Amino acid sequence: MTISAWIGCFLGAITSVVLLQMGVMVFSDAATSAMVLLPDARFISRLPSEVAVLGPGHNCVTVASSESGLAKTLYGVGALVVLPAGLSRCVPLR
């Protein structure tokens, strides 16, 4: 395999994992917290009161909610990528 083929396989695998995690957030309420990647500057101000900000960062925001449908709420206020956070067996973020 050439370097280009290896890079293509690697990028394909990373994309598959991210899309799988996004699907887990949308179709399951297993995660009560989420990490939003690449939020815009006013994203936090648009969050409803039942969503708590756990940790703002430069390129991500970690939020939590006890309400169901967290991912749909986050996509509704403008999130681009929502990944689960705080599930057991997930890699710790810190």
Protein backbone atom coordinates (compact mmCIF):
# COMPACT_ATOMS: atom_id res chain seq x y z
CA MET A 1 0.00 0.00 0.00
CA THR A 2 1.12 3.49 -0.73
CA ILE A 3 1.22 6.32 1.78
CA SER A 4 -1.84 7.88 0.14
CA ALA A 5 -3.79 4.64 0.59
CA TRP A 6 -2.79 4.42 4.27
CA ILE A 7 -3.82 8.01 4.86
CA GLY A 8 -7.15 7.37 3.10
CA CYS A 9 -7.80 4.28 5.25
CA PHE A 10 -6.92 6.18 8.42
CA LEU A 11 -9.19 9.12 7.57
CA GLY A 12 -11.98 6.72 6.63
CA ALA A 13 -11.67 4.93 9.97
CA ILE A 14 -11.69 8.20 11.94
CA THR A 15 -14.73 9.42 10.01
CA SER A 16 -16.55 6.14 10.68
CA VAL A 17 -15.91 6.37 14.43
CA VAL A 18 -17.10 9.98 14.62
CA LEU A 19 -20.26 9.20 12.62
CA LEU A 20 -20.96 6.18 14.85
CA GLN A 21 -20.62 8.32 17.98
CA MET A 22 -22.88 11.00 16.50
CA GLY A 23 -25.47 8.28 15.80
CA VAL A 24 -25.26 7.07 19.40
CA MET A 25 -26.06 10.57 20.59
CA VAL A 26 -29.01 11.09 18.25
CA PHE A 27 -30.68 7.68 18.55
CA SER A 28 -29.94 6.91 22.21
CA ASP A 29 -30.28 8.77 25.48
CA ALA A 30 -27.51 6.69 27.07
CA ALA A 31 -25.25 9.71 27.52
CA THR A 32 -26.44 12.47 29.85
CA SER A 33 -23.52 14.67 28.82
CA ALA A 34 -22.10 15.58 25.45
CA MET A 35 -19.11 17.25 23.85
CA VAL A 36 -19.91 19.75 21.11
CA LEU A 37 -17.07 20.25 18.66
CA LEU A 38 -16.46 23.57 16.92
CA PRO A 39 -19.26 25.64 18.51
CA ASP A 40 -19.71 29.18 17.27
CA ALA A 41 -19.10 32.21 19.48
CA ARG A 42 -22.74 32.52 20.66
CA PHE A 43 -23.50 28.81 21.06
CA ILE A 44 -23.51 28.84 24.89
CA SER A 45 -25.88 31.81 25.02
CA ARG A 46 -28.44 29.89 22.92
CA LEU A 47 -28.54 26.85 25.23
CA PRO A 48 -31.84 26.26 27.07
CA SER A 49 -31.87 26.51 30.87
CA GLU A 50 -32.02 22.72 31.37
CA VAL A 51 -28.60 22.28 29.71
CA ALA A 52 -25.61 22.91 31.98
CA VAL A 53 -22.17 23.85 30.68
CA LEU A 54 -19.57 21.60 32.32
CA GLY A 55 -16.47 22.78 30.55
CA PRO A 56 -16.00 25.36 27.81
CA GLY A 57 -12.86 25.05 25.70
CA HIS A 58 -11.35 26.67 22.63
CA ASN A 59 -12.78 24.21 20.11
CA CYS A 60 -15.32 22.28 22.18
CA VAL A 61 -17.91 22.63 24.93
CA THR A 62 -18.95 19.85 27.31
CA VAL A 63 -22.58 20.05 28.44
CA ALA A 64 -24.98 17.93 30.48
CA SER A 65 -28.73 17.61 30.92
CA SER A 66 -31.09 15.37 32.83
CA GLU A 67 -33.71 15.83 30.09
CA SER A 68 -33.99 13.35 27.22
CA GLY A 69 -33.09 14.35 23.67
CA LEU A 70 -29.90 16.22 24.53
CA ALA A 71 -28.36 15.74 21.06
CA LYS A 72 -31.48 16.98 19.28
CA THR A 73 -31.55 20.01 21.55
CA LEU A 74 -27.90 20.78 20.82
CA TYR A 75 -28.32 20.37 17.06
CA GLY A 76 -31.40 22.59 17.32
CA VAL A 77 -29.37 25.48 18.75
CA GLY A 78 -26.66 25.19 16.11
CA ALA A 79 -24.18 22.46 17.08
CA LEU A 80 -22.25 20.97 14.17
CA VAL A 81 -20.84 17.81 15.81
CA VAL A 82 -22.20 16.29 19.05
CA LEU A 83 -20.32 13.37 20.62
CA PRO A 84 -21.19 11.46 23.81
CA ALA A 85 -19.25 12.25 26.97
CA GLY A 86 -19.27 10.58 30.33
CA LEU A 87 -20.32 7.10 29.24
CA SER A 88 -18.63 4.20 30.95
CA ARG A 89 -16.03 2.64 28.67
CA CYS A 90 -15.47 5.96 26.91
CA VAL A 91 -11.95 7.32 26.82
CA PRO A 92 -11.61 10.01 29.50
CA LEU A 93 -11.29 13.50 28.09
CA ARG A 94 -8.71 14.61 30.67
